[in-house]
C-alpha cells in the first residue's frame, strides 16, 4: 500500500515537472485553420500566376504585389488565429499563455523562422523565385523541430514532414507550389486534426 502511494507521488511529481517545461496550450484547431488559409492563398496565387500575360513575373509587376499581399494576409490570419485559440485554450486549462515554457517555444521557433524569412526575402530581391518554396518549407520545418522540445511531440513530426517536402522541392523545382500546398496546407490540416483529437477534445 505504501509502495503504491510512493509510486503515485513520483508520477504526480513527474507530471508537474512536465507541465512546467512543456507548453501544452497549442491548439490543433489553429493548425487546421492555418492549413485552410494556406490552401486558399495558394489557389489564388496559382490563379494569378497562370493568368499573368508575360513569361516572368517582375518585382514591379502588379501580379507580384498581389501574390506578396496574399502571403502576408495568410500569415496574419494564421498568427492571429493561433494566438486567439491558444489564449482560449490556456484559459480553459488554467495555464498562463506567457510563461517559461511558452517563451522557450517562441524563441526556439523564431530563430530558424526569422532566418528563413530573411533568406526568402533576399531570394525575392534577387528574383530567384524557384528557391522560395524550398527555403520556406525547410526553415519552417527546422523551426517546428527546434520548438518541439518544449511542446507536443506531434510538432516535431510536422517539422520533419516540412523538411522532407522542402528537400523534394529543391529536387523537383517545377513542383514547388504543389509541394508548398502539401506542406503548409495539407500537412497543417492533417497534424492539426491529429492534435485536436488527441489533446483539444479532452
N, C-alpha and C. Protein backbone atom coordinates (compact mmCIF):
# COMPACT_ATOMS: atom_id res chain seq x y z
N UNK A 1 0.83 -1.21 0.00
CA UNK A 1 0.00 0.00 0.00
C UNK A 1 0.86 1.26 0.00
N UNK A 2 1.89 1.24 0.86
CA UNK A 2 2.80 2.38 0.95
C UNK A 2 3.56 2.57 -0.36
N UNK A 3 3.92 1.40 -0.95
CA UNK A 3 4.68 1.46 -2.22
C UNK A 3 3.86 2.10 -3.32
N UNK A 4 2.56 1.77 -3.38
CA UNK A 4 1.67 2.36 -4.38
C UNK A 4 1.54 3.87 -4.18
N UNK A 5 1.52 4.28 -2.92
CA UNK A 5 1.41 5.72 -2.59
C UNK A 5 2.65 6.46 -3.07
N UNK A 6 3.83 5.86 -2.84
CA UNK A 6 5.08 6.49 -3.28
C UNK A 6 5.15 6.58 -4.80
N UNK A 7 4.72 5.50 -5.48
CA UNK A 7 4.71 5.50 -6.94
C UNK A 7 3.80 6.57 -7.50
N UNK A 8 2.63 6.76 -6.84
CA UNK A 8 1.69 7.79 -7.28
C UNK A 8 2.28 9.17 -7.07
N UNK A 9 2.98 9.35 -5.92
CA UNK A 9 3.61 10.65 -5.65
C UNK A 9 4.68 10.97 -6.69
N UNK A 10 5.48 9.96 -7.05
CA UNK A 10 6.52 10.15 -8.06
C UNK A 10 5.91 10.50 -9.41
N UNK A 11 4.81 9.81 -9.75
CA UNK A 11 4.11 10.08 -11.01
C UNK A 11 3.56 11.50 -11.04
N UNK A 12 3.00 11.95 -9.92
CA UNK A 12 2.46 13.31 -9.83
C UNK A 12 3.57 14.35 -9.99
N UNK A 13 4.73 14.07 -9.37
CA UNK A 13 5.87 14.99 -9.47
C UNK A 13 6.36 15.09 -10.91
N UNK A 14 6.46 13.92 -11.59
CA UNK A 14 6.89 13.90 -12.99
C UNK A 14 5.92 14.67 -13.88
N UNK A 15 4.62 14.52 -13.59
CA UNK A 15 3.61 15.23 -14.38
C UNK A 15 3.71 16.73 -14.18
N UNK A 16 3.94 17.16 -12.92
CA UNK A 16 4.10 18.59 -12.63
C UNK A 16 5.33 19.16 -13.32
N UNK A 17 6.44 18.39 -13.31
CA UNK A 17 7.67 18.84 -13.97
C UNK A 17 7.48 18.95 -15.47
N UNK A 18 6.74 17.99 -16.04
CA UNK A 18 6.48 18.01 -17.48
C UNK A 18 5.66 19.24 -17.86
N UNK A 19 4.65 19.55 -17.06
CA UNK A 19 3.80 20.71 -17.34
C UNK A 19 4.57 22.02 -17.21
N UNK A 20 5.56 22.05 -16.32
CA UNK A 20 6.32 23.29 -16.12
C UNK A 20 7.32 23.53 -17.24
N UNK A 21 7.72 22.46 -17.96
CA UNK A 21 8.71 22.61 -19.02
C UNK A 21 8.10 22.52 -20.41
N UNK A 22 6.83 22.10 -20.52
CA UNK A 22 6.19 21.97 -21.82
C UNK A 22 4.98 22.89 -21.93
N UNK A 23 4.87 23.54 -23.08
CA UNK A 23 3.73 24.42 -23.34
C UNK A 23 2.64 23.59 -24.01
N UNK A 24 1.55 23.34 -23.29
CA UNK A 24 0.51 22.42 -23.76
C UNK A 24 -0.75 23.14 -24.25
N UNK A 25 -0.66 24.45 -24.41
CA UNK A 25 -1.85 25.20 -24.82
C UNK A 25 -1.94 25.44 -26.33
N UNK A 26 -1.01 24.85 -27.09
CA UNK A 26 -1.12 24.96 -28.55
C UNK A 26 -2.41 24.31 -29.01
N UNK A 27 -3.11 24.97 -29.90
CA UNK A 27 -4.40 24.48 -30.36
C UNK A 27 -4.28 23.76 -31.70
N UNK A 28 -4.79 22.53 -31.75
CA UNK A 28 -4.80 21.79 -33.00
C UNK A 28 -5.69 22.44 -34.04
N UNK A 29 -6.77 23.08 -33.56
CA UNK A 29 -7.71 23.75 -34.46
C UNK A 29 -7.04 24.89 -35.21
N UNK A 30 -6.09 25.56 -34.57
CA UNK A 30 -5.37 26.66 -35.25
C UNK A 30 -4.54 26.11 -36.42
N UNK A 31 -3.99 24.89 -36.27
CA UNK A 31 -3.26 24.26 -37.35
C UNK A 31 -4.16 23.94 -38.53
N UNK A 32 -5.37 23.45 -38.23
CA UNK A 32 -6.35 23.13 -39.27
C UNK A 32 -6.72 24.39 -40.05
N UNK A 33 -7.00 25.46 -39.32
CA UNK A 33 -7.40 26.72 -39.97
C UNK A 33 -6.24 27.34 -40.75
N UNK A 34 -5.02 27.25 -40.19
CA UNK A 34 -3.84 27.77 -40.90
C UNK A 34 -3.65 27.04 -42.22
N UNK A 35 -3.89 25.72 -42.20
CA UNK A 35 -3.80 24.94 -43.43
C UNK A 35 -4.85 25.36 -44.44
N UNK A 36 -6.04 25.65 -43.95
CA UNK A 36 -7.12 26.13 -44.82
C UNK A 36 -6.78 27.47 -45.45
N UNK A 37 -6.24 28.39 -44.63
CA UNK A 37 -5.83 29.70 -45.16
C UNK A 37 -4.76 29.53 -46.25
N UNK A 38 -3.80 28.64 -45.98
CA UNK A 38 -2.71 28.42 -46.93
C UNK A 38 -3.24 27.86 -48.25
N UNK A 39 -4.20 26.95 -48.18
CA UNK A 39 -4.77 26.37 -49.40
C UNK A 39 -5.48 27.44 -50.24
N UNK A 40 -6.27 28.27 -49.58
CA UNK A 40 -6.99 29.33 -50.29
C UNK A 40 -5.99 30.31 -50.92
N UNK A 41 -4.97 30.69 -50.13
CA UNK A 41 -3.96 31.62 -50.63
C UNK A 41 -3.18 31.04 -51.80
N UNK A 42 -2.85 29.75 -51.72
CA UNK A 42 -2.08 29.10 -52.79
C UNK A 42 -2.90 28.98 -54.07
N UNK A 43 -4.18 28.69 -53.92
CA UNK A 43 -5.06 28.59 -55.10
C UNK A 43 -5.17 29.95 -55.79
N UNK A 44 -5.30 31.01 -54.98
CA UNK A 44 -5.38 32.36 -55.55
C UNK A 44 -4.06 32.75 -56.22
N UNK A 45 -2.93 32.42 -55.56
CA UNK A 45 -1.61 32.73 -56.14
C UNK A 45 -1.40 31.98 -57.45
N UNK A 46 -1.85 30.73 -57.48
CA UNK A 46 -1.75 29.92 -58.70
C UNK A 46 -2.57 30.54 -59.84
N UNK A 47 -3.74 31.05 -59.49
CA UNK A 47 -4.59 31.72 -60.48
C UNK A 47 -3.89 32.96 -61.04
N UNK A 48 -3.27 33.75 -60.16
CA UNK A 48 -2.55 34.96 -60.59
C UNK A 48 -1.39 34.61 -61.51
N UNK A 49 -0.65 33.56 -61.18
CA UNK A 49 0.50 33.15 -61.99
C UNK A 49 0.05 32.66 -63.37
N UNK A 50 -1.01 31.85 -63.38
CA UNK A 50 -1.48 31.26 -64.65
C UNK A 50 -2.11 32.29 -65.58
N UNK A 51 -2.62 33.37 -65.01
CA UNK A 51 -3.25 34.40 -65.85
C UNK A 51 -2.30 35.56 -66.16
N UNK A 52 -1.05 35.45 -65.69
CA UNK A 52 -0.07 36.50 -65.97
C UNK A 52 0.30 36.49 -67.45
N UNK A 53 0.30 37.64 -68.08
CA UNK A 53 0.44 37.71 -69.54
C UNK A 53 1.87 37.59 -70.04
N UNK A 54 2.86 37.76 -69.13
CA UNK A 54 4.25 37.67 -69.56
C UNK A 54 4.90 36.38 -69.06
N UNK A 55 6.12 36.10 -69.55
CA UNK A 55 6.81 34.86 -69.18
C UNK A 55 7.31 34.90 -67.75
N UNK A 56 7.91 36.03 -67.32
CA UNK A 56 8.48 36.15 -66.00
C UNK A 56 7.76 37.24 -65.19
N UNK A 57 7.59 36.95 -63.90
CA UNK A 57 6.98 37.92 -63.00
C UNK A 57 8.08 38.80 -62.41
N UNK A 58 7.97 40.09 -62.57
CA UNK A 58 8.98 41.01 -62.04
C UNK A 58 8.51 41.60 -60.71
N UNK A 59 9.47 42.16 -59.96
CA UNK A 59 9.15 42.74 -58.65
C UNK A 59 8.21 43.94 -58.78
N UNK A 60 8.29 44.62 -59.93
CA UNK A 60 7.47 45.83 -60.12
C UNK A 60 6.06 45.50 -60.61
N UNK A 61 5.81 44.27 -60.98
CA UNK A 61 4.51 43.91 -61.57
C UNK A 61 3.40 43.90 -60.53
N UNK A 62 2.20 44.16 -60.99
CA UNK A 62 1.01 44.14 -60.13
C UNK A 62 0.77 42.73 -59.59
N UNK A 63 1.04 41.73 -60.42
CA UNK A 63 0.83 40.33 -60.02
C UNK A 63 1.71 39.95 -58.84
N UNK A 64 2.97 40.36 -58.88
CA UNK A 64 3.88 40.05 -57.78
C UNK A 64 3.40 40.70 -56.48
N UNK A 65 2.96 41.94 -56.57
CA UNK A 65 2.47 42.65 -55.38
C UNK A 65 1.22 41.97 -54.82
N UNK A 66 0.35 41.46 -55.71
CA UNK A 66 -0.84 40.76 -55.26
C UNK A 66 -0.49 39.44 -54.58
N UNK A 67 0.51 38.73 -55.13
CA UNK A 67 0.95 37.47 -54.51
C UNK A 67 1.56 37.73 -53.13
N UNK A 68 2.39 38.78 -53.05
CA UNK A 68 3.03 39.15 -51.78
C UNK A 68 1.98 39.56 -50.75
N UNK A 69 0.99 40.32 -51.18
CA UNK A 69 -0.10 40.75 -50.29
C UNK A 69 -0.88 39.54 -49.79
N UNK A 70 -1.13 38.58 -50.69
CA UNK A 70 -1.85 37.35 -50.31
C UNK A 70 -1.07 36.57 -49.26
N UNK A 71 0.26 36.49 -49.44
CA UNK A 71 1.11 35.77 -48.49
C UNK A 71 1.05 36.41 -47.10
N UNK A 72 1.08 37.74 -47.06
CA UNK A 72 1.02 38.44 -45.78
C UNK A 72 -0.35 38.29 -45.11
N UNK A 73 -1.40 38.26 -45.90
CA UNK A 73 -2.76 38.07 -45.35
C UNK A 73 -2.86 36.67 -44.74
N UNK A 74 -2.35 35.66 -45.45
CA UNK A 74 -2.35 34.28 -44.93
C UNK A 74 -1.56 34.20 -43.63
N UNK A 75 -0.38 34.83 -43.61
CA UNK A 75 0.47 34.84 -42.41
C UNK A 75 -0.25 35.52 -41.25
N UNK A 76 -0.84 36.69 -41.52
CA UNK A 76 -1.54 37.45 -40.48
C UNK A 76 -2.73 36.65 -39.90
N UNK A 77 -3.52 36.05 -40.78
CA UNK A 77 -4.67 35.25 -40.33
C UNK A 77 -4.22 34.03 -39.52
N UNK A 78 -3.15 33.38 -39.97
CA UNK A 78 -2.65 32.19 -39.28
C UNK A 78 -2.14 32.54 -37.88
N UNK A 79 -1.33 33.61 -37.79
CA UNK A 79 -0.79 34.02 -36.49
C UNK A 79 -1.89 34.51 -35.55
N UNK A 80 -2.82 35.30 -36.11
CA UNK A 80 -3.93 35.82 -35.30
C UNK A 80 -4.82 34.71 -34.77
N UNK A 81 -5.12 33.75 -35.62
CA UNK A 81 -5.96 32.61 -35.21
C UNK A 81 -5.24 31.77 -34.17
N UNK A 82 -3.94 31.51 -34.39
CA UNK A 82 -3.15 30.70 -33.45
C UNK A 82 -3.11 31.38 -32.08
N UNK A 83 -2.91 32.70 -32.06
CA UNK A 83 -2.84 33.42 -30.78
C UNK A 83 -4.19 33.38 -30.06
N UNK A 84 -5.26 33.65 -30.80
CA UNK A 84 -6.60 33.67 -30.19
C UNK A 84 -6.97 32.30 -29.59
N UNK A 85 -6.77 31.24 -30.37
CA UNK A 85 -7.16 29.90 -29.92
C UNK A 85 -6.24 29.39 -28.81
N UNK A 86 -4.97 29.79 -28.85
CA UNK A 86 -4.03 29.40 -27.80
C UNK A 86 -4.40 30.06 -26.47
N UNK A 87 -4.74 31.35 -26.52
CA UNK A 87 -5.19 32.06 -25.31
C UNK A 87 -6.45 31.42 -24.75
N UNK A 88 -7.37 31.10 -25.64
CA UNK A 88 -8.64 30.48 -25.25
C UNK A 88 -8.40 29.13 -24.56
N UNK A 89 -7.52 28.32 -25.14
CA UNK A 89 -7.22 27.00 -24.58
C UNK A 89 -6.47 27.13 -23.26
N UNK A 90 -5.53 28.09 -23.17
CA UNK A 90 -4.78 28.30 -21.94
C UNK A 90 -5.70 28.70 -20.80
N UNK A 91 -6.65 29.58 -21.07
CA UNK A 91 -7.62 29.99 -20.05
C UNK A 91 -8.46 28.80 -19.57
N UNK A 92 -8.81 27.95 -20.52
CA UNK A 92 -9.62 26.76 -20.20
C UNK A 92 -8.83 25.79 -19.31
N UNK A 93 -7.52 25.69 -19.57
CA UNK A 93 -6.66 24.78 -18.79
C UNK A 93 -6.14 25.42 -17.51
N UNK A 94 -6.41 26.72 -17.35
CA UNK A 94 -5.91 27.44 -16.18
C UNK A 94 -4.41 27.67 -16.25
N UNK A 95 -3.90 27.80 -17.47
CA UNK A 95 -2.46 28.00 -17.69
C UNK A 95 -2.19 29.41 -18.21
N UNK A 96 -1.08 29.98 -17.82
CA UNK A 96 -0.68 31.28 -18.34
C UNK A 96 -0.12 31.13 -19.74
N UNK A 97 -0.51 32.04 -20.63
CA UNK A 97 -0.01 31.97 -22.01
C UNK A 97 1.46 32.34 -22.05
N UNK A 98 1.84 33.37 -21.31
CA UNK A 98 3.22 33.85 -21.32
C UNK A 98 3.94 33.33 -20.07
N UNK A 99 4.54 32.15 -20.18
CA UNK A 99 5.29 31.55 -19.08
C UNK A 99 6.65 31.08 -19.61
N UNK A 100 7.41 30.40 -18.75
CA UNK A 100 8.75 29.96 -19.14
C UNK A 100 8.71 29.03 -20.36
N UNK A 101 7.76 28.09 -20.34
CA UNK A 101 7.65 27.12 -21.44
C UNK A 101 7.29 27.81 -22.76
N UNK A 102 6.33 28.74 -22.73
CA UNK A 102 5.92 29.41 -23.97
C UNK A 102 7.03 30.31 -24.51
N UNK A 103 7.81 30.91 -23.61
CA UNK A 103 8.95 31.72 -24.05
C UNK A 103 9.99 30.86 -24.77
N UNK A 104 10.23 29.66 -24.23
CA UNK A 104 11.18 28.74 -24.86
C UNK A 104 10.68 28.31 -26.24
N UNK A 105 9.39 28.02 -26.33
CA UNK A 105 8.80 27.63 -27.63
C UNK A 105 8.98 28.76 -28.64
N UNK A 106 8.64 29.99 -28.21
CA UNK A 106 8.70 31.14 -29.11
C UNK A 106 10.13 31.42 -29.59
N UNK A 107 11.09 31.40 -28.66
CA UNK A 107 12.48 31.70 -29.02
C UNK A 107 13.04 30.63 -29.96
N UNK A 108 12.81 29.36 -29.62
CA UNK A 108 13.34 28.27 -30.44
C UNK A 108 12.65 28.18 -31.79
N UNK A 109 11.41 28.62 -31.86
CA UNK A 109 10.68 28.63 -33.12
C UNK A 109 11.09 29.83 -33.98
N UNK A 110 11.29 30.97 -33.33
CA UNK A 110 11.53 32.23 -34.05
C UNK A 110 12.90 32.29 -34.72
N UNK A 111 13.93 31.72 -34.09
CA UNK A 111 15.28 31.85 -34.64
C UNK A 111 15.39 31.25 -36.04
N UNK A 112 15.01 29.97 -36.26
CA UNK A 112 15.08 29.45 -37.63
C UNK A 112 14.07 30.11 -38.56
N UNK A 113 12.87 30.45 -38.02
CA UNK A 113 11.83 31.03 -38.86
C UNK A 113 12.22 32.41 -39.39
N UNK A 114 12.74 33.26 -38.52
CA UNK A 114 13.16 34.61 -38.93
C UNK A 114 14.33 34.51 -39.92
N UNK A 115 15.27 33.60 -39.63
CA UNK A 115 16.40 33.39 -40.54
C UNK A 115 15.90 32.99 -41.92
N UNK A 116 14.97 32.04 -41.97
CA UNK A 116 14.41 31.60 -43.25
C UNK A 116 13.63 32.70 -43.94
N UNK A 117 12.92 33.52 -43.16
CA UNK A 117 12.17 34.64 -43.73
C UNK A 117 13.08 35.65 -44.39
N UNK A 118 14.19 35.98 -43.73
CA UNK A 118 15.16 36.92 -44.31
C UNK A 118 15.79 36.33 -45.57
N UNK A 119 16.12 35.04 -45.49
CA UNK A 119 16.70 34.35 -46.65
C UNK A 119 15.73 34.40 -47.84
N UNK A 120 14.44 34.14 -47.58
CA UNK A 120 13.42 34.16 -48.64
C UNK A 120 13.29 35.55 -49.25
N UNK A 121 13.34 36.59 -48.40
CA UNK A 121 13.24 37.96 -48.90
C UNK A 121 14.44 38.32 -49.78
N UNK A 122 15.63 37.82 -49.40
CA UNK A 122 16.82 38.06 -50.22
C UNK A 122 16.70 37.36 -51.58
N UNK A 123 16.08 36.18 -51.57
CA UNK A 123 15.85 35.47 -52.83
C UNK A 123 14.86 36.24 -53.71
N UNK A 124 13.84 36.81 -53.08
CA UNK A 124 12.86 37.61 -53.81
C UNK A 124 13.54 38.83 -54.43
N UNK A 125 14.40 39.47 -53.64
CA UNK A 125 15.12 40.66 -54.13
C UNK A 125 15.98 40.33 -55.34
N UNK A 126 16.56 39.12 -55.34
CA UNK A 126 17.40 38.70 -56.45
C UNK A 126 16.59 38.01 -57.56
N UNK A 127 15.27 37.99 -57.37
CA UNK A 127 14.33 37.37 -58.31
C UNK A 127 14.63 35.89 -58.55
N UNK A 128 15.10 35.23 -57.49
CA UNK A 128 15.35 33.79 -57.53
C UNK A 128 14.13 33.08 -56.95
N UNK A 129 13.02 33.16 -57.67
CA UNK A 129 11.73 32.70 -57.14
C UNK A 129 11.66 31.18 -56.99
N UNK A 130 12.45 30.45 -57.75
CA UNK A 130 12.35 28.99 -57.76
C UNK A 130 12.75 28.37 -56.42
N UNK A 131 13.56 29.07 -55.63
CA UNK A 131 14.02 28.53 -54.34
C UNK A 131 13.18 28.98 -53.15
N UNK A 132 12.19 29.84 -53.38
CA UNK A 132 11.40 30.36 -52.26
C UNK A 132 10.60 29.26 -51.57
N UNK A 133 9.95 28.40 -52.36
CA UNK A 133 9.17 27.29 -51.77
C UNK A 133 10.05 26.35 -50.94
N UNK A 134 11.20 25.87 -51.49
CA UNK A 134 12.06 25.01 -50.68
C UNK A 134 12.57 25.67 -49.41
N UNK A 135 12.99 26.93 -49.51
CA UNK A 135 13.55 27.64 -48.36
C UNK A 135 12.51 27.82 -47.25
N UNK A 136 11.30 28.23 -47.63
CA UNK A 136 10.26 28.45 -46.61
C UNK A 136 9.86 27.13 -45.95
N UNK A 137 9.77 26.05 -46.73
CA UNK A 137 9.44 24.74 -46.17
C UNK A 137 10.55 24.23 -45.24
N UNK A 138 11.79 24.34 -45.68
CA UNK A 138 12.92 23.84 -44.89
C UNK A 138 13.07 24.57 -43.56
N UNK A 139 13.06 25.90 -43.61
CA UNK A 139 13.27 26.67 -42.39
C UNK A 139 12.07 26.59 -41.45
N UNK A 140 10.87 26.50 -42.01
CA UNK A 140 9.69 26.31 -41.16
C UNK A 140 9.76 24.93 -40.48
N UNK A 141 10.18 23.92 -41.24
CA UNK A 141 10.35 22.59 -40.66
C UNK A 141 11.38 22.58 -39.55
N UNK A 142 12.51 23.25 -39.77
CA UNK A 142 13.55 23.35 -38.73
C UNK A 142 13.03 24.09 -37.49
N UNK A 143 12.21 25.12 -37.72
CA UNK A 143 11.62 25.86 -36.60
C UNK A 143 10.71 24.96 -35.77
N UNK A 144 9.90 24.15 -36.44
CA UNK A 144 8.99 23.23 -35.73
C UNK A 144 9.78 22.19 -34.93
N UNK A 145 10.81 21.61 -35.55
CA UNK A 145 11.63 20.61 -34.85
C UNK A 145 12.32 21.24 -33.65
N UNK A 146 12.84 22.44 -33.82
CA UNK A 146 13.56 23.14 -32.76
C UNK A 146 12.65 23.47 -31.58
N UNK A 147 11.41 23.85 -31.87
CA UNK A 147 10.47 24.24 -30.81
C UNK A 147 9.77 23.04 -30.17
N UNK A 148 9.79 21.89 -30.84
CA UNK A 148 9.02 20.74 -30.37
C UNK A 148 9.52 20.18 -29.03
N UNK A 149 10.74 20.54 -28.64
CA UNK A 149 11.28 20.07 -27.35
C UNK A 149 10.47 20.62 -26.18
N UNK A 150 9.75 21.72 -26.41
CA UNK A 150 9.04 22.39 -25.32
C UNK A 150 7.53 22.37 -25.51
N UNK A 151 7.05 21.53 -26.41
CA UNK A 151 5.60 21.42 -26.59
C UNK A 151 5.27 20.00 -27.05
N UNK A 152 4.13 19.81 -27.70
CA UNK A 152 3.71 18.47 -28.11
C UNK A 152 4.70 17.86 -29.11
N UNK A 153 4.92 16.56 -28.98
CA UNK A 153 5.86 15.85 -29.86
C UNK A 153 5.37 15.84 -31.31
N UNK A 154 4.06 15.98 -31.51
CA UNK A 154 3.49 15.98 -32.87
C UNK A 154 4.08 17.11 -33.71
N UNK A 155 4.47 18.21 -33.07
CA UNK A 155 5.06 19.35 -33.78
C UNK A 155 6.38 18.94 -34.43
N UNK A 156 7.09 18.03 -33.76
CA UNK A 156 8.36 17.52 -34.32
C UNK A 156 8.11 16.78 -35.63
N UNK A 157 7.09 15.94 -35.64
CA UNK A 157 6.77 15.17 -36.85
C UNK A 157 6.29 16.08 -37.98
N UNK A 158 5.55 17.14 -37.62
CA UNK A 158 5.15 18.13 -38.61
C UNK A 158 6.39 18.77 -39.22
N UNK A 159 7.36 19.11 -38.37
CA UNK A 159 8.60 19.73 -38.85
C UNK A 159 9.38 18.82 -39.78
N UNK A 160 9.48 17.55 -39.42
CA UNK A 160 10.20 16.58 -40.26
C UNK A 160 9.51 16.45 -41.63
N UNK A 161 8.18 16.44 -41.61
CA UNK A 161 7.42 16.38 -42.86
C UNK A 161 7.73 17.58 -43.74
N UNK A 162 7.79 18.78 -43.13
CA UNK A 162 8.08 20.00 -43.89
C UNK A 162 9.50 19.96 -44.47
N UNK A 163 10.45 19.44 -43.72
CA UNK A 163 11.84 19.35 -44.18
C UNK A 163 11.93 18.43 -45.39
N UNK A 164 11.27 17.28 -45.31
CA UNK A 164 11.27 16.32 -46.43
C UNK A 164 10.67 16.97 -47.69
N UNK A 165 9.54 17.66 -47.50
CA UNK A 165 8.89 18.33 -48.64
C UNK A 165 9.79 19.44 -49.20
N UNK A 166 10.51 20.14 -48.31
CA UNK A 166 11.43 21.19 -48.74
C UNK A 166 12.57 20.64 -49.59
N UNK A 167 13.11 19.50 -49.19
CA UNK A 167 14.17 18.85 -49.96
C UNK A 167 13.65 18.37 -51.32
N UNK A 168 12.43 17.85 -51.32
CA UNK A 168 11.82 17.43 -52.58
C UNK A 168 11.60 18.63 -53.51
N UNK A 169 11.26 19.78 -52.91
CA UNK A 169 11.04 20.99 -53.70
C UNK A 169 12.33 21.49 -54.34
N UNK A 170 13.48 21.19 -53.71
CA UNK A 170 14.77 21.55 -54.31
C UNK A 170 15.04 20.66 -55.52
N UNK A 171 14.74 19.37 -55.37
CA UNK A 171 14.99 18.41 -56.45
C UNK A 171 14.01 18.60 -57.61
N UNK A 172 12.74 18.81 -57.27
CA UNK A 172 11.71 18.95 -58.30
C UNK A 172 11.21 20.39 -58.31
N UNK A 173 12.03 21.28 -58.87
CA UNK A 173 11.75 22.71 -58.80
C UNK A 173 10.44 23.11 -59.49
N UNK A 174 10.04 22.35 -60.48
CA UNK A 174 8.80 22.68 -61.20
C UNK A 174 7.55 22.41 -60.39
N UNK A 175 7.70 21.71 -59.27
CA UNK A 175 6.55 21.36 -58.44
C UNK A 175 6.58 22.10 -57.09
N UNK A 176 7.27 23.22 -57.07
CA UNK A 176 7.43 23.99 -55.83
C UNK A 176 6.11 24.40 -55.20
N UNK A 177 5.19 24.93 -56.01
CA UNK A 177 3.91 25.39 -55.49
C UNK A 177 3.08 24.22 -54.97
N UNK A 178 3.12 23.09 -55.68
CA UNK A 178 2.38 21.90 -55.24
C UNK A 178 2.90 21.39 -53.91
N UNK A 179 4.23 21.33 -53.75
CA UNK A 179 4.83 20.87 -52.50
C UNK A 179 4.59 21.87 -51.38
N UNK A 180 4.55 23.15 -51.73
CA UNK A 180 4.22 24.19 -50.76
C UNK A 180 2.79 24.00 -50.25
N UNK A 181 1.87 23.66 -51.15
CA UNK A 181 0.48 23.39 -50.78
C UNK A 181 0.40 22.17 -49.87
N UNK A 182 1.17 21.12 -50.20
CA UNK A 182 1.19 19.91 -49.38
C UNK A 182 1.73 20.21 -47.98
N UNK A 183 2.79 21.05 -47.92
CA UNK A 183 3.41 21.35 -46.63
C UNK A 183 2.60 22.28 -45.76
N UNK A 184 2.30 23.46 -46.27
CA UNK A 184 1.62 24.47 -45.46
C UNK A 184 0.11 24.28 -45.41
N UNK A 185 -0.42 23.58 -46.42
CA UNK A 185 -1.86 23.34 -46.44
C UNK A 185 -2.26 22.00 -45.87
N UNK A 186 -2.00 20.93 -46.63
CA UNK A 186 -2.45 19.59 -46.26
C UNK A 186 -1.81 19.10 -44.96
N UNK A 187 -0.49 19.27 -44.82
CA UNK A 187 0.21 18.78 -43.62
C UNK A 187 -0.31 19.49 -42.36
N UNK A 188 -0.57 20.79 -42.46
CA UNK A 188 -1.11 21.52 -41.31
C UNK A 188 -2.49 21.00 -40.92
N UNK A 189 -3.32 20.76 -41.92
CA UNK A 189 -4.66 20.25 -41.65
C UNK A 189 -4.58 18.86 -41.03
N UNK A 190 -3.69 18.01 -41.56
CA UNK A 190 -3.54 16.64 -41.05
C UNK A 190 -3.05 16.62 -39.61
N UNK A 191 -1.92 17.30 -39.35
CA UNK A 191 -1.36 17.29 -38.00
C UNK A 191 -2.22 18.09 -37.03
N UNK A 192 -2.85 19.15 -37.52
CA UNK A 192 -3.77 19.91 -36.68
C UNK A 192 -4.95 19.05 -36.24
N UNK A 193 -5.46 18.23 -37.16
CA UNK A 193 -6.58 17.33 -36.83
C UNK A 193 -6.15 16.29 -35.80
N UNK A 194 -4.94 15.73 -35.98
CA UNK A 194 -4.43 14.75 -35.03
C UNK A 194 -4.31 15.36 -33.64
N UNK A 195 -3.74 16.57 -33.57
CA UNK A 195 -3.56 17.24 -32.27
C UNK A 195 -4.90 17.61 -31.64
N UNK A 196 -5.85 18.01 -32.50
CA UNK A 196 -7.17 18.38 -31.99
C UNK A 196 -7.86 17.18 -31.34
N UNK A 197 -7.82 16.04 -32.01
CA UNK A 197 -8.49 14.85 -31.47
C UNK A 197 -7.72 14.23 -30.30
N UNK A 198 -6.40 14.42 -30.26
CA UNK A 198 -5.61 13.86 -29.17
C UNK A 198 -5.64 14.70 -27.90
N UNK A 199 -5.66 16.04 -28.06
CA UNK A 199 -5.49 16.91 -26.89
C UNK A 199 -6.67 17.86 -26.65
N UNK A 200 -7.18 18.49 -27.69
CA UNK A 200 -8.18 19.54 -27.50
C UNK A 200 -9.53 19.03 -27.07
N UNK A 201 -9.88 17.81 -27.48
CA UNK A 201 -11.22 17.29 -27.19
C UNK A 201 -11.34 16.69 -25.80
N UNK A 202 -10.21 16.60 -25.08
CA UNK A 202 -10.25 16.01 -23.74
C UNK A 202 -10.99 16.92 -22.77
